[in-house]
Amino acid sequence: MLMRWFRAFLPREERFFELFAKHSVVCVQGALALQGVLRGGEETPVFCQRVNQLEHEADNVTREVLTAVRRTFITPFDRGDIKNLITSMDDAIDQMQQTAKAVILFEVRTFEPPMREMGTLLVECANLVGQALPLMQSIGQNLAMLTALTEEIGKLEGRIDDLHDIGLKELFLKHRDANTMDFIVGSEIYKHLEKVSDRFDDVANEINSIVIEQV
């Protein structure tokens, strides 16, 4: 009883969920900008720049979360879990930036259909993360929904893996008698896109591990 009374007067940081939401909005915008990159054409560098700018915004939010973790006596869940969650979210948008950097470096302006499809599924992954985070304020009530959302992210990651393999095979067949450099560049883009989906899968795993600890 005394401990509960004592805890009521301790500084409590309620902004974590607000910051998670802020970061996830930036992640969705990043995925949409990446989708813009994959449409190709003259606008490609503009969208690459947008991904870059959004990655910097996401970094700022991540720093805010890590500062709040240090300053807050009572956190909504374990400090290590908060750090792992925001870091995995940040890794997803970092990987989007790596994709955009490769596009700029290799001056790619046309993209294969499986690449564009991967981009569409990555937007879905980002949206699912955005839906899951607010539900973590009441994990017990939202257990079934959180499980369904993280499972869906896992399924999308599997579909993106398949598109990576299909795309790589098509690329090989297209360029095996012609331009080796085009194959190398294309495979690099595929690799980066697959890594973005792996990072979103990491976010889903972090959410799951928090859910398991809290129920």
N, C-alpha and C. Protein backbone atom coordinates (compact mmCIF):
# COMPACT_ATOMS: atom_id res chain seq x y z
N MET A 1 0.83 -1.19 0.00
CA MET A 1 0.00 0.00 0.00
C MET A 1 0.87 1.25 0.00
N LEU A 2 1.83 1.26 0.92
CA LEU A 2 2.74 2.41 1.04
C LEU A 2 3.54 2.61 -0.25
N MET A 3 3.97 1.48 -0.83
CA MET A 3 4.75 1.54 -2.07
C MET A 3 3.90 2.12 -3.21
N ARG A 4 2.63 1.71 -3.29
CA ARG A 4 1.75 2.22 -4.33
C ARG A 4 1.57 3.74 -4.17
N TRP A 5 1.40 4.17 -2.91
CA TRP A 5 1.24 5.59 -2.61
C TRP A 5 2.51 6.36 -3.01
N PHE A 6 3.66 5.75 -2.67
CA PHE A 6 4.95 6.37 -2.96
C PHE A 6 5.15 6.51 -4.48
N ARG A 7 4.79 5.44 -5.21
CA ARG A 7 4.96 5.44 -6.67
C ARG A 7 4.08 6.52 -7.33
N ALA A 8 2.92 6.79 -6.73
CA ALA A 8 2.00 7.77 -7.31
C ALA A 8 2.63 9.16 -7.38
N PHE A 9 3.60 9.42 -6.50
CA PHE A 9 4.24 10.74 -6.46
C PHE A 9 5.55 10.82 -7.24
N LEU A 10 5.95 9.70 -7.79
CA LEU A 10 7.21 9.70 -8.55
C LEU A 10 6.98 10.23 -9.96
N PRO A 11 8.01 10.87 -10.55
CA PRO A 11 7.85 11.39 -11.91
C PRO A 11 7.57 10.25 -12.89
N ARG A 12 6.50 10.37 -13.63
CA ARG A 12 6.10 9.32 -14.57
C ARG A 12 6.12 9.90 -15.99
N GLU A 13 6.75 9.20 -16.88
CA GLU A 13 6.84 9.69 -18.26
C GLU A 13 5.71 9.08 -19.08
N GLU A 14 4.74 9.91 -19.43
CA GLU A 14 3.61 9.43 -20.23
C GLU A 14 3.86 9.65 -21.72
N ARG A 15 5.00 10.24 -22.06
CA ARG A 15 5.23 10.62 -23.44
C ARG A 15 5.78 9.49 -24.31
N PHE A 16 6.10 8.35 -23.72
CA PHE A 16 6.69 7.28 -24.54
C PHE A 16 5.80 6.89 -25.72
N PHE A 17 4.52 6.71 -25.45
CA PHE A 17 3.61 6.28 -26.52
C PHE A 17 3.44 7.36 -27.57
N GLU A 18 3.46 8.60 -27.10
CA GLU A 18 3.40 9.75 -28.02
C GLU A 18 4.62 9.74 -28.94
N LEU A 19 5.78 9.44 -28.36
CA LEU A 19 7.03 9.41 -29.15
C LEU A 19 7.08 8.20 -30.08
N PHE A 20 6.60 7.04 -29.59
CA PHE A 20 6.51 5.86 -30.47
C PHE A 20 5.64 6.19 -31.69
N ALA A 21 4.49 6.83 -31.42
CA ALA A 21 3.56 7.19 -32.50
C ALA A 21 4.22 8.14 -33.48
N LYS A 22 4.95 9.12 -32.93
CA LYS A 22 5.64 10.11 -33.77
C LYS A 22 6.65 9.41 -34.69
N HIS A 23 7.41 8.48 -34.11
CA HIS A 23 8.41 7.74 -34.90
C HIS A 23 7.73 6.89 -35.96
N SER A 24 6.62 6.24 -35.60
CA SER A 24 5.97 5.35 -36.56
C SER A 24 5.36 6.13 -37.73
N VAL A 25 4.91 7.37 -37.46
CA VAL A 25 4.39 8.23 -38.55
C VAL A 25 5.52 8.54 -39.53
N VAL A 26 6.71 8.83 -38.98
CA VAL A 26 7.88 9.11 -39.83
C VAL A 26 8.26 7.87 -40.64
N CYS A 27 8.16 6.70 -40.01
CA CYS A 27 8.45 5.43 -40.71
C CYS A 27 7.51 5.21 -41.88
N VAL A 28 6.22 5.48 -41.67
CA VAL A 28 5.23 5.34 -42.75
C VAL A 28 5.57 6.31 -43.88
N GLN A 29 5.88 7.56 -43.52
CA GLN A 29 6.25 8.56 -44.54
C GLN A 29 7.51 8.11 -45.29
N GLY A 30 8.45 7.51 -44.55
CA GLY A 30 9.68 6.99 -45.17
C GLY A 30 9.38 5.89 -46.16
N ALA A 31 8.48 4.96 -45.76
CA ALA A 31 8.11 3.85 -46.65
C ALA A 31 7.39 4.37 -47.90
N LEU A 32 6.56 5.40 -47.73
CA LEU A 32 5.86 6.01 -48.88
C LEU A 32 6.86 6.71 -49.80
N ALA A 33 7.85 7.36 -49.22
CA ALA A 33 8.89 8.02 -50.04
C ALA A 33 9.71 6.97 -50.78
N LEU A 34 9.99 5.84 -50.11
CA LEU A 34 10.73 4.74 -50.76
C LEU A 34 9.91 4.18 -51.92
N GLN A 35 8.60 4.09 -51.71
CA GLN A 35 7.70 3.65 -52.79
C GLN A 35 7.80 4.63 -53.96
N GLY A 36 7.92 5.91 -53.65
CA GLY A 36 8.11 6.94 -54.68
C GLY A 36 9.42 6.75 -55.44
N VAL A 37 10.47 6.40 -54.70
CA VAL A 37 11.78 6.11 -55.32
C VAL A 37 11.61 4.99 -56.36
N LEU A 38 10.89 3.93 -55.96
CA LEU A 38 10.78 2.72 -56.79
C LEU A 38 9.88 2.90 -58.01
N ARG A 39 9.16 4.03 -58.07
CA ARG A 39 8.41 4.31 -59.31
C ARG A 39 9.37 4.68 -60.44
N GLY A 40 10.54 5.16 -60.08
CA GLY A 40 11.55 5.49 -61.08
C GLY A 40 11.30 6.83 -61.75
N GLY A 41 12.11 7.10 -62.78
CA GLY A 41 11.97 8.36 -63.53
C GLY A 41 12.78 9.49 -62.93
N GLU A 42 12.51 10.69 -63.42
CA GLU A 42 13.30 11.87 -63.05
C GLU A 42 13.14 12.29 -61.59
N GLU A 43 12.00 11.90 -60.99
CA GLU A 43 11.72 12.30 -59.60
C GLU A 43 12.50 11.44 -58.58
N THR A 44 13.15 10.40 -59.05
CA THR A 44 13.83 9.46 -58.15
C THR A 44 14.74 10.15 -57.12
N PRO A 45 15.64 11.07 -57.56
CA PRO A 45 16.53 11.70 -56.56
C PRO A 45 15.76 12.53 -55.52
N VAL A 46 14.65 13.12 -55.94
CA VAL A 46 13.83 13.93 -55.02
C VAL A 46 13.29 13.03 -53.90
N PHE A 47 12.77 11.86 -54.29
CA PHE A 47 12.25 10.92 -53.29
C PHE A 47 13.38 10.37 -52.40
N CYS A 48 14.55 10.15 -52.99
CA CYS A 48 15.71 9.69 -52.20
C CYS A 48 16.07 10.72 -51.13
N GLN A 49 16.04 11.97 -51.51
CA GLN A 49 16.33 13.06 -50.58
C GLN A 49 15.29 13.09 -49.45
N ARG A 50 14.05 12.83 -49.82
CA ARG A 50 12.96 12.80 -48.83
C ARG A 50 13.19 11.66 -47.82
N VAL A 51 13.59 10.49 -48.30
CA VAL A 51 13.89 9.37 -47.39
C VAL A 51 14.99 9.79 -46.42
N ASN A 52 16.01 10.43 -46.94
CA ASN A 52 17.15 10.88 -46.15
C ASN A 52 16.71 11.84 -45.04
N GLN A 53 15.89 12.78 -45.42
CA GLN A 53 15.40 13.81 -44.49
C GLN A 53 14.55 13.15 -43.38
N LEU A 54 13.71 12.20 -43.77
CA LEU A 54 12.85 11.51 -42.80
C LEU A 54 13.67 10.65 -41.84
N GLU A 55 14.76 10.07 -42.35
CA GLU A 55 15.63 9.27 -41.47
C GLU A 55 16.22 10.15 -40.38
N HIS A 56 16.60 11.38 -40.72
CA HIS A 56 17.13 12.32 -39.72
C HIS A 56 16.06 12.67 -38.68
N GLU A 57 14.82 12.87 -39.16
CA GLU A 57 13.70 13.16 -38.24
C GLU A 57 13.51 12.00 -37.26
N ALA A 58 13.55 10.79 -37.79
CA ALA A 58 13.36 9.59 -36.95
C ALA A 58 14.47 9.48 -35.91
N ASP A 59 15.70 9.80 -36.30
CA ASP A 59 16.84 9.79 -35.36
C ASP A 59 16.58 10.72 -34.18
N ASN A 60 16.02 11.90 -34.47
CA ASN A 60 15.73 12.87 -33.41
C ASN A 60 14.72 12.32 -32.41
N VAL A 61 13.69 11.63 -32.93
CA VAL A 61 12.67 11.04 -32.04
C VAL A 61 13.31 9.93 -31.20
N THR A 62 14.15 9.12 -31.82
CA THR A 62 14.83 8.04 -31.10
C THR A 62 15.66 8.60 -29.95
N ARG A 63 16.37 9.71 -30.22
CA ARG A 63 17.17 10.36 -29.16
C ARG A 63 16.27 10.83 -28.01
N GLU A 64 15.10 11.38 -28.36
CA GLU A 64 14.15 11.83 -27.33
C GLU A 64 13.72 10.66 -26.44
N VAL A 65 13.44 9.52 -27.07
CA VAL A 65 13.01 8.34 -26.31
C VAL A 65 14.13 7.88 -25.37
N LEU A 66 15.35 7.81 -25.89
CA LEU A 66 16.47 7.32 -25.08
C LEU A 66 16.77 8.27 -23.92
N THR A 67 16.60 9.58 -24.15
CA THR A 67 16.77 10.57 -23.08
C THR A 67 15.68 10.38 -22.02
N ALA A 68 14.44 10.20 -22.47
CA ALA A 68 13.32 10.00 -21.55
C ALA A 68 13.52 8.74 -20.70
N VAL A 69 14.06 7.69 -21.30
CA VAL A 69 14.32 6.44 -20.56
C VAL A 69 15.29 6.71 -19.40
N ARG A 70 16.31 7.52 -19.67
CA ARG A 70 17.31 7.83 -18.63
C ARG A 70 16.72 8.68 -17.50
N ARG A 71 15.79 9.57 -17.87
CA ARG A 71 15.30 10.55 -16.89
C ARG A 71 14.07 10.09 -16.11
N THR A 72 13.44 9.04 -16.56
CA THR A 72 12.15 8.65 -15.98
C THR A 72 12.32 7.55 -14.95
N PHE A 73 11.66 7.75 -13.82
CA PHE A 73 11.75 6.74 -12.75
C PHE A 73 10.82 5.57 -13.06
N ILE A 74 9.60 5.88 -13.51
CA ILE A 74 8.63 4.82 -13.82
C ILE A 74 8.35 4.84 -15.32
N THR A 75 8.60 3.72 -15.97
CA THR A 75 8.36 3.61 -17.42
C THR A 75 7.21 2.63 -17.66
N PRO A 76 6.49 2.74 -18.80
CA PRO A 76 5.33 1.86 -19.02
C PRO A 76 5.69 0.39 -19.08
N PHE A 77 6.90 0.08 -19.55
CA PHE A 77 7.43 -1.28 -19.43
C PHE A 77 8.94 -1.20 -19.33
N ASP A 78 9.58 -2.34 -19.24
CA ASP A 78 11.02 -2.42 -18.96
C ASP A 78 11.84 -1.48 -19.85
N ARG A 79 12.81 -0.80 -19.23
CA ARG A 79 13.65 0.16 -19.96
C ARG A 79 14.37 -0.47 -21.15
N GLY A 80 14.89 -1.67 -20.93
CA GLY A 80 15.58 -2.38 -22.00
C GLY A 80 14.66 -2.65 -23.17
N ASP A 81 13.40 -2.99 -22.87
CA ASP A 81 12.40 -3.25 -23.92
C ASP A 81 12.10 -1.98 -24.70
N ILE A 82 12.00 -0.85 -23.99
CA ILE A 82 11.73 0.43 -24.66
C ILE A 82 12.87 0.76 -25.61
N LYS A 83 14.10 0.59 -25.12
CA LYS A 83 15.28 0.87 -25.97
C LYS A 83 15.30 -0.04 -27.19
N ASN A 84 15.03 -1.34 -26.96
CA ASN A 84 15.06 -2.30 -28.07
C ASN A 84 13.99 -1.99 -29.11
N LEU A 85 12.81 -1.60 -28.62
CA LEU A 85 11.69 -1.32 -29.54
C LEU A 85 12.00 -0.10 -30.41
N ILE A 86 12.42 0.99 -29.79
CA ILE A 86 12.66 2.21 -30.58
C ILE A 86 13.88 2.03 -31.49
N THR A 87 14.86 1.25 -31.03
CA THR A 87 16.06 1.00 -31.86
C THR A 87 15.69 0.16 -33.08
N SER A 88 14.83 -0.84 -32.88
CA SER A 88 14.43 -1.69 -34.03
C SER A 88 13.61 -0.87 -35.03
N MET A 89 12.77 0.04 -34.52
CA MET A 89 12.00 0.92 -35.41
C MET A 89 12.95 1.83 -36.20
N ASP A 90 13.95 2.34 -35.49
CA ASP A 90 14.91 3.23 -36.14
C ASP A 90 15.74 2.48 -37.19
N ASP A 91 16.05 1.22 -36.90
CA ASP A 91 16.81 0.40 -37.86
C ASP A 91 16.05 0.23 -39.17
N ALA A 92 14.71 0.17 -39.09
CA ALA A 92 13.89 0.01 -40.30
C ALA A 92 14.04 1.22 -41.22
N ILE A 93 13.95 2.42 -40.64
CA ILE A 93 14.07 3.61 -41.49
C ILE A 93 15.53 3.86 -41.90
N ASP A 94 16.47 3.43 -41.07
CA ASP A 94 17.90 3.49 -41.46
C ASP A 94 18.12 2.66 -42.72
N GLN A 95 17.48 1.49 -42.75
CA GLN A 95 17.66 0.60 -43.90
C GLN A 95 16.99 1.16 -45.15
N MET A 96 15.88 1.90 -44.96
CA MET A 96 15.28 2.60 -46.10
C MET A 96 16.27 3.61 -46.66
N GLN A 97 16.96 4.30 -45.74
CA GLN A 97 17.95 5.29 -46.18
C GLN A 97 19.10 4.60 -46.93
N GLN A 98 19.52 3.43 -46.47
CA GLN A 98 20.58 2.68 -47.16
C GLN A 98 20.14 2.33 -48.59
N THR A 99 18.86 1.98 -48.75
CA THR A 99 18.32 1.68 -50.08
C THR A 99 18.40 2.91 -50.97
N ALA A 100 17.96 4.05 -50.43
CA ALA A 100 17.98 5.31 -51.19
C ALA A 100 19.42 5.70 -51.56
N LYS A 101 20.34 5.46 -50.64
CA LYS A 101 21.77 5.77 -50.91
C LYS A 101 22.30 4.93 -52.07
N ALA A 102 21.92 3.64 -52.09
CA ALA A 102 22.36 2.75 -53.18
C ALA A 102 21.79 3.22 -54.52
N VAL A 103 20.53 3.67 -54.50
CA VAL A 103 19.87 4.17 -55.73
C VAL A 103 20.61 5.39 -56.27
N ILE A 104 21.00 6.30 -55.37
CA ILE A 104 21.74 7.50 -55.77
C ILE A 104 23.14 7.13 -56.26
N LEU A 105 23.80 6.25 -55.50
CA LEU A 105 25.17 5.85 -55.85
C LEU A 105 25.24 5.23 -57.24
N PHE A 106 24.30 4.35 -57.55
CA PHE A 106 24.32 3.63 -58.84
C PHE A 106 23.49 4.32 -59.92
N GLU A 107 22.93 5.50 -59.56
CA GLU A 107 22.15 6.30 -60.52
C GLU A 107 21.04 5.47 -61.19
N VAL A 108 20.33 4.70 -60.36
CA VAL A 108 19.24 3.86 -60.88
C VAL A 108 18.00 4.74 -61.10
N ARG A 109 17.37 4.56 -62.26
CA ARG A 109 16.16 5.35 -62.55
C ARG A 109 14.98 4.47 -62.99
N THR A 110 15.26 3.18 -63.23
CA THR A 110 14.16 2.25 -63.56
C THR A 110 14.24 1.05 -62.61
N PHE A 111 13.08 0.58 -62.19
CA PHE A 111 13.02 -0.48 -61.19
C PHE A 111 12.12 -1.61 -61.67
N GLU A 112 12.50 -2.83 -61.30
CA GLU A 112 11.77 -4.02 -61.73
C GLU A 112 10.42 -4.11 -61.00
N PRO A 113 9.40 -4.73 -61.63
CA PRO A 113 8.09 -4.87 -60.97
C PRO A 113 8.14 -5.51 -59.57
N PRO A 114 8.95 -6.58 -59.34
CA PRO A 114 8.99 -7.12 -57.96
C PRO A 114 9.53 -6.10 -56.94
N MET A 115 10.44 -5.23 -57.38
CA MET A 115 10.96 -4.19 -56.47
C MET A 115 9.83 -3.26 -56.05
N ARG A 116 9.01 -2.87 -57.04
CA ARG A 116 7.90 -1.96 -56.73
C ARG A 116 6.88 -2.65 -55.81
N GLU A 117 6.67 -3.93 -56.04
CA GLU A 117 5.74 -4.68 -55.18
C GLU A 117 6.28 -4.78 -53.75
N MET A 118 7.59 -4.98 -53.63
CA MET A 118 8.22 -5.01 -52.30
C MET A 118 8.00 -3.67 -51.60
N GLY A 119 8.13 -2.58 -52.36
CA GLY A 119 7.91 -1.23 -51.81
C GLY A 119 6.50 -1.07 -51.27
N THR A 120 5.51 -1.60 -52.00
CA THR A 120 4.11 -1.52 -51.56
C THR A 120 3.90 -2.30 -50.26
N LEU A 121 4.50 -3.48 -50.17
CA LEU A 121 4.36 -4.31 -48.96
C LEU A 121 5.07 -3.68 -47.77
N LEU A 122 6.16 -2.96 -48.03
CA LEU A 122 6.87 -2.27 -46.93
C LEU A 122 6.02 -1.15 -46.34
N VAL A 123 5.23 -0.48 -47.19
CA VAL A 123 4.29 0.53 -46.69
C VAL A 123 3.27 -0.15 -45.77
N GLU A 124 2.80 -1.34 -46.17
CA GLU A 124 1.86 -2.09 -45.33
C GLU A 124 2.49 -2.45 -43.99
N CYS A 125 3.75 -2.89 -44.01
CA CYS A 125 4.46 -3.21 -42.76
C CYS A 125 4.50 -2.00 -41.83
N ALA A 126 4.87 -0.85 -42.40
CA ALA A 126 4.98 0.39 -41.60
C ALA A 126 3.62 0.76 -41.01
N ASN A 127 2.56 0.61 -41.79
CA ASN A 127 1.21 0.91 -41.30
C ASN A 127 0.79 -0.03 -40.16
N LEU A 128 1.14 -1.30 -40.28
CA LEU A 128 0.81 -2.28 -39.23
C LEU A 128 1.52 -1.95 -37.92
N VAL A 129 2.78 -1.54 -38.01
CA VAL A 129 3.52 -1.12 -36.81
C VAL A 129 2.81 0.08 -36.18
N GLY A 130 2.40 1.03 -37.03
CA GLY A 130 1.69 2.22 -36.55
C GLY A 130 0.38 1.87 -35.85
N GLN A 131 -0.28 0.81 -36.32
CA GLN A 131 -1.53 0.37 -35.67
C GLN A 131 -1.26 -0.33 -34.34
N ALA A 132 -0.14 -1.07 -34.27
CA ALA A 132 0.15 -1.88 -33.08
C ALA A 132 0.58 -1.02 -31.88
N LEU A 133 1.38 0.02 -32.12
CA LEU A 133 1.99 0.75 -31.01
C LEU A 133 0.99 1.35 -30.01
N PRO A 134 -0.09 2.04 -30.45
CA PRO A 134 -1.02 2.59 -29.46
C PRO A 134 -1.71 1.52 -28.61
N LEU A 135 -1.88 0.32 -29.19
CA LEU A 135 -2.55 -0.77 -28.47
C LEU A 135 -1.71 -1.25 -27.27
N MET A 136 -0.41 -0.92 -27.28
CA MET A 136 0.48 -1.37 -26.21
C MET A 136 0.25 -0.61 -24.91
N GLN A 137 -0.58 0.44 -24.95
CA GLN A 137 -0.91 1.15 -23.71
C GLN A 137 -1.82 0.29 -22.83
N SER A 138 -2.56 -0.63 -23.45
CA SER A 138 -3.41 -1.57 -22.69
C SER A 138 -3.23 -2.96 -23.30
N ILE A 139 -2.09 -3.56 -23.02
CA ILE A 139 -1.72 -4.83 -23.66
C ILE A 139 -2.76 -5.93 -23.38
N GLY A 140 -3.19 -6.04 -22.12
CA GLY A 140 -4.15 -7.08 -21.74
C GLY A 140 -5.41 -7.05 -22.57
N GLN A 141 -5.96 -5.84 -22.77
CA GLN A 141 -7.21 -5.70 -23.54
C GLN A 141 -6.99 -5.94 -25.03
N ASN A 142 -5.78 -5.68 -25.49
CA ASN A 142 -5.51 -5.71 -26.94
C ASN A 142 -4.65 -6.88 -27.38
N LEU A 143 -4.57 -7.88 -26.54
CA LEU A 143 -3.67 -9.02 -26.78
C LEU A 143 -3.91 -9.68 -28.14
N ALA A 144 -5.17 -9.99 -28.44
CA ALA A 144 -5.50 -10.70 -29.69
C ALA A 144 -5.14 -9.85 -30.91
N MET A 145 -5.44 -8.55 -30.82
CA MET A 145 -5.17 -7.65 -31.94
C MET A 145 -3.66 -7.48 -32.16
N LEU A 146 -2.94 -7.33 -31.06
CA LEU A 146 -1.47 -7.19 -31.17
C LEU A 146 -0.85 -8.44 -31.79
N THR A 147 -1.32 -9.60 -31.37
CA THR A 147 -0.82 -10.87 -31.92
C THR A 147 -1.11 -10.95 -33.41
N ALA A 148 -2.34 -10.57 -33.80
CA ALA A 148 -2.73 -10.62 -35.22
C ALA A 148 -1.88 -9.66 -36.06
N LEU A 149 -1.62 -8.47 -35.53
CA LEU A 149 -0.84 -7.47 -36.29
C LEU A 149 0.60 -7.93 -36.48
N THR A 150 1.21 -8.47 -35.41
CA THR A 150 2.60 -8.91 -35.54
C THR A 150 2.71 -10.14 -36.45
N GLU A 151 1.70 -11.00 -36.40
CA GLU A 151 1.69 -12.16 -37.32
C GLU A 151 1.61 -11.70 -38.77
N GLU A 152 0.79 -10.67 -39.00
CA GLU A 152 0.63 -10.13 -40.36
C GLU A 152 1.95 -9.55 -40.87
N ILE A 153 2.69 -8.87 -39.99
CA ILE A 153 4.02 -8.33 -40.38
C ILE A 153 4.94 -9.49 -40.77
N GLY A 154 4.89 -10.57 -39.99
CA GLY A 154 5.70 -11.76 -40.29
C GLY A 154 5.35 -12.35 -41.65
N LYS A 155 4.05 -12.39 -41.97
CA LYS A 155 3.62 -12.91 -43.28
C LYS A 155 4.10 -12.01 -44.42
N LEU A 156 4.00 -10.70 -44.22
CA LEU A 156 4.47 -9.76 -45.25
C LEU A 156 5.97 -9.92 -45.47
N GLU A 157 6.71 -10.12 -44.38
CA GLU A 157 8.17 -10.32 -44.49
C GLU A 157 8.46 -11.56 -45.33
N GLY A 158 7.64 -12.63 -45.15
CA GLY A 158 7.80 -13.85 -45.95
C GLY A 158 7.51 -13.60 -47.43
N ARG A 159 6.47 -12.79 -47.70
CA ARG A 159 6.14 -12.47 -49.10
C ARG A 159 7.24 -11.63 -49.75
N ILE A 160 7.82 -10.73 -48.96
CA ILE A 160 8.91 -9.89 -49.49
C ILE A 160 10.14 -10.74 -49.78
N ASP A 161 10.41 -11.72 -48.91
CA ASP A 161 11.51 -12.67 -49.16
C ASP A 161 11.30 -13.40 -50.49
N ASP A 162 10.05 -13.85 -50.72
CA ASP A 162 9.73 -14.55 -51.97
C ASP A 162 9.95 -13.64 -53.18
N LEU A 163 9.49 -12.38 -53.06
CA LEU A 163 9.67 -11.42 -54.16
C LEU A 163 11.15 -11.16 -54.44
N HIS A 164 11.94 -11.13 -53.37
CA HIS A 164 13.39 -10.96 -53.51
C HIS A 164 13.96 -12.10 -54.36
N ASP A 165 13.56 -13.34 -54.03
CA ASP A 165 14.09 -14.51 -54.76
C ASP A 165 13.61 -14.53 -56.22
N ILE A 166 12.31 -14.25 -56.41
CA ILE A 166 11.73 -14.22 -57.77
C ILE A 166 12.42 -13.14 -58.60
N GLY A 167 12.55 -11.95 -57.99
CA GLY A 167 13.15 -10.81 -58.69
C GLY A 167 14.59 -11.07 -59.08
N LEU A 168 15.33 -11.69 -58.16
CA LEU A 168 16.75 -11.98 -58.42
C LEU A 168 16.90 -12.97 -59.59
N LYS A 169 16.02 -13.97 -59.61
CA LYS A 169 16.04 -14.97 -60.69
C LYS A 169 15.72 -14.30 -62.04
N GLU A 170 14.68 -13.45 -62.05
CA GLU A 170 14.31 -12.74 -63.28
C GLU A 170 15.46 -11.85 -63.76
N LEU A 171 16.10 -11.20 -62.79
CA LEU A 171 17.21 -10.29 -63.10
C LEU A 171 18.37 -11.06 -63.74
N PHE A 172 18.65 -12.24 -63.16
CA PHE A 172 19.73 -13.08 -63.68
C PHE A 172 19.43 -13.50 -65.12
N LEU A 173 18.20 -13.96 -65.36
CA LEU A 173 17.82 -14.41 -66.71
C LEU A 173 17.87 -13.26 -67.72
N LYS A 174 17.51 -12.08 -67.25
CA LYS A 174 17.47 -10.90 -68.12
C LYS A 174 18.88 -10.45 -68.53
N HIS A 175 19.83 -10.58 -67.59
CA HIS A 175 21.16 -9.98 -67.82
C HIS A 175 22.29 -11.00 -67.99
N ARG A 176 21.97 -12.29 -67.97
CA ARG A 176 23.08 -13.27 -67.97
C ARG A 176 23.91 -13.23 -69.24
N ASP A 177 23.30 -12.84 -70.38
CA ASP A 177 24.06 -12.77 -71.62
C ASP A 177 24.43 -11.33 -71.98
N ALA A 178 24.13 -10.42 -71.06
CA ALA A 178 24.34 -9.01 -71.42
C ALA A 178 25.14 -8.29 -70.33
N ASN A 179 24.45 -7.41 -69.60
CA ASN A 179 25.15 -6.48 -68.72
C ASN A 179 25.27 -7.01 -67.29
N THR A 180 26.48 -7.44 -66.92
CA THR A 180 26.72 -7.95 -65.57
C THR A 180 26.50 -6.85 -64.53
N MET A 181 26.89 -5.62 -64.86
CA MET A 181 26.78 -4.51 -63.91
C MET A 181 25.32 -4.26 -63.54
N ASP A 182 24.41 -4.35 -64.52
CA ASP A 182 22.98 -4.16 -64.24
C ASP A 182 22.47 -5.21 -63.26
N PHE A 183 22.98 -6.44 -63.41
CA PHE A 183 22.58 -7.50 -62.47
C PHE A 183 23.09 -7.19 -61.07
N ILE A 184 24.34 -6.78 -60.97
CA ILE A 184 24.95 -6.47 -59.66
C ILE A 184 24.19 -5.35 -58.96
N VAL A 185 23.89 -4.28 -59.72
CA VAL A 185 23.18 -3.12 -59.16
C VAL A 185 21.77 -3.54 -58.72
N GLY A 186 21.08 -4.26 -59.60
CA GLY A 186 19.72 -4.71 -59.28
C GLY A 186 19.68 -5.60 -58.05
N SER A 187 20.65 -6.50 -57.94
CA SER A 187 20.67 -7.42 -56.79
C SER A 187 20.96 -6.65 -55.50
N GLU A 188 21.73 -5.58 -55.61
CA GLU A 188 22.02 -4.73 -54.44
C GLU A 188 20.73 -4.05 -53.94
N ILE A 189 19.93 -3.56 -54.87
CA ILE A 189 18.65 -2.92 -54.50
C ILE A 189 17.73 -3.96 -53.84
N TYR A 190 17.65 -5.15 -54.44
CA TYR A 190 16.83 -6.21 -53.86
C TYR A 190 17.27 -6.53 -52.44
N LYS A 191 18.58 -6.61 -52.24
CA LYS A 191 19.13 -6.96 -50.93
C LYS A 191 18.71 -5.92 -49.88
N HIS A 192 18.82 -4.64 -50.25
CA HIS A 192 18.45 -3.57 -49.31
C HIS A 192 16.97 -3.60 -48.98
N LEU A 193 16.13 -3.82 -49.99
CA LEU A 193 14.68 -3.87 -49.75
C LEU A 193 14.31 -5.03 -48.83
N GLU A 194 14.97 -6.16 -49.03
CA GLU A 194 14.70 -7.31 -48.16
C GLU A 194 15.11 -7.00 -46.72
N LYS A 195 16.21 -6.26 -46.57
CA LYS A 195 16.68 -5.90 -45.21
C LYS A 195 15.69 -4.98 -44.50
N VAL A 196 15.02 -4.10 -45.25
CA VAL A 196 14.01 -3.23 -44.63
C VAL A 196 12.92 -4.12 -44.02
N SER A 197 12.48 -5.13 -44.77
CA SER A 197 11.41 -6.01 -44.26
C SER A 197 11.90 -6.82 -43.06
N ASP A 198 13.17 -7.22 -43.07
CA ASP A 198 13.74 -7.94 -41.92
C ASP A 198 13.69 -7.06 -40.67
N ARG A 199 13.97 -5.77 -40.86
CA ARG A 199 13.95 -4.84 -39.71
C ARG A 199 12.53 -4.67 -39.18
N PHE A 200 11.53 -4.62 -40.07
CA PHE A 200 10.15 -4.53 -39.61
C PHE A 200 9.76 -5.80 -38.85
N ASP A 201 10.28 -6.93 -39.30
CA ASP A 201 10.04 -8.19 -38.60
C ASP A 201 10.66 -8.14 -37.20
N ASP A 202 11.82 -7.51 -37.08
CA ASP A 202 12.46 -7.32 -35.77
C ASP A 202 11.56 -6.49 -34.85
N VAL A 203 10.93 -5.44 -35.42
CA VAL A 203 10.00 -4.60 -34.63
C VAL A 203 8.86 -5.48 -34.11
N ALA A 204 8.29 -6.30 -34.99
CA ALA A 204 7.20 -7.20 -34.59
C ALA A 204 7.64 -8.14 -33.47
N ASN A 205 8.87 -8.64 -33.57
CA ASN A 205 9.40 -9.54 -32.53
C ASN A 205 9.57 -8.82 -31.20
N GLU A 206 10.02 -7.55 -31.26
CA GLU A 206 10.16 -6.75 -30.03
C GLU A 206 8.80 -6.53 -29.38
N ILE A 207 7.80 -6.21 -30.20
CA ILE A 207 6.44 -6.00 -29.68
C ILE A 207 5.96 -7.30 -29.01
N ASN A 208 6.19 -8.42 -29.68
CA ASN A 208 5.78 -9.72 -29.13
C ASN A 208 6.44 -10.02 -27.80
N SER A 209 7.73 -9.74 -27.70
CA SER A 209 8.43 -10.07 -26.45
C SER A 209 7.93 -9.19 -25.31
N ILE A 210 7.56 -7.93 -25.60
CA ILE A 210 6.98 -7.05 -24.57
C ILE A 210 5.61 -7.58 -24.15
N VAL A 211 4.81 -7.98 -25.12
CA VAL A 211 3.47 -8.53 -24.86
C VAL A 211 3.57 -9.74 -23.94
N ILE A 212 4.50 -10.65 -24.25
CA ILE A 212 4.66 -11.88 -23.45
C ILE A 212 5.03 -11.55 -22.00
N GLU A 213 5.91 -10.54 -21.83
CA GLU A 213 6.33 -10.17 -20.47
C GLU A 213 5.21 -9.50 -19.68
N GLN A 214 4.32 -8.80 -20.38
CA GLN A 214 3.30 -7.99 -19.69
C GLN A 214 2.04 -8.77 -19.33
N VAL A 215 1.79 -9.91 -20.04
CA VAL A 215 0.52 -10.61 -19.75
C VAL A 215 0.72 -11.78 -18.77
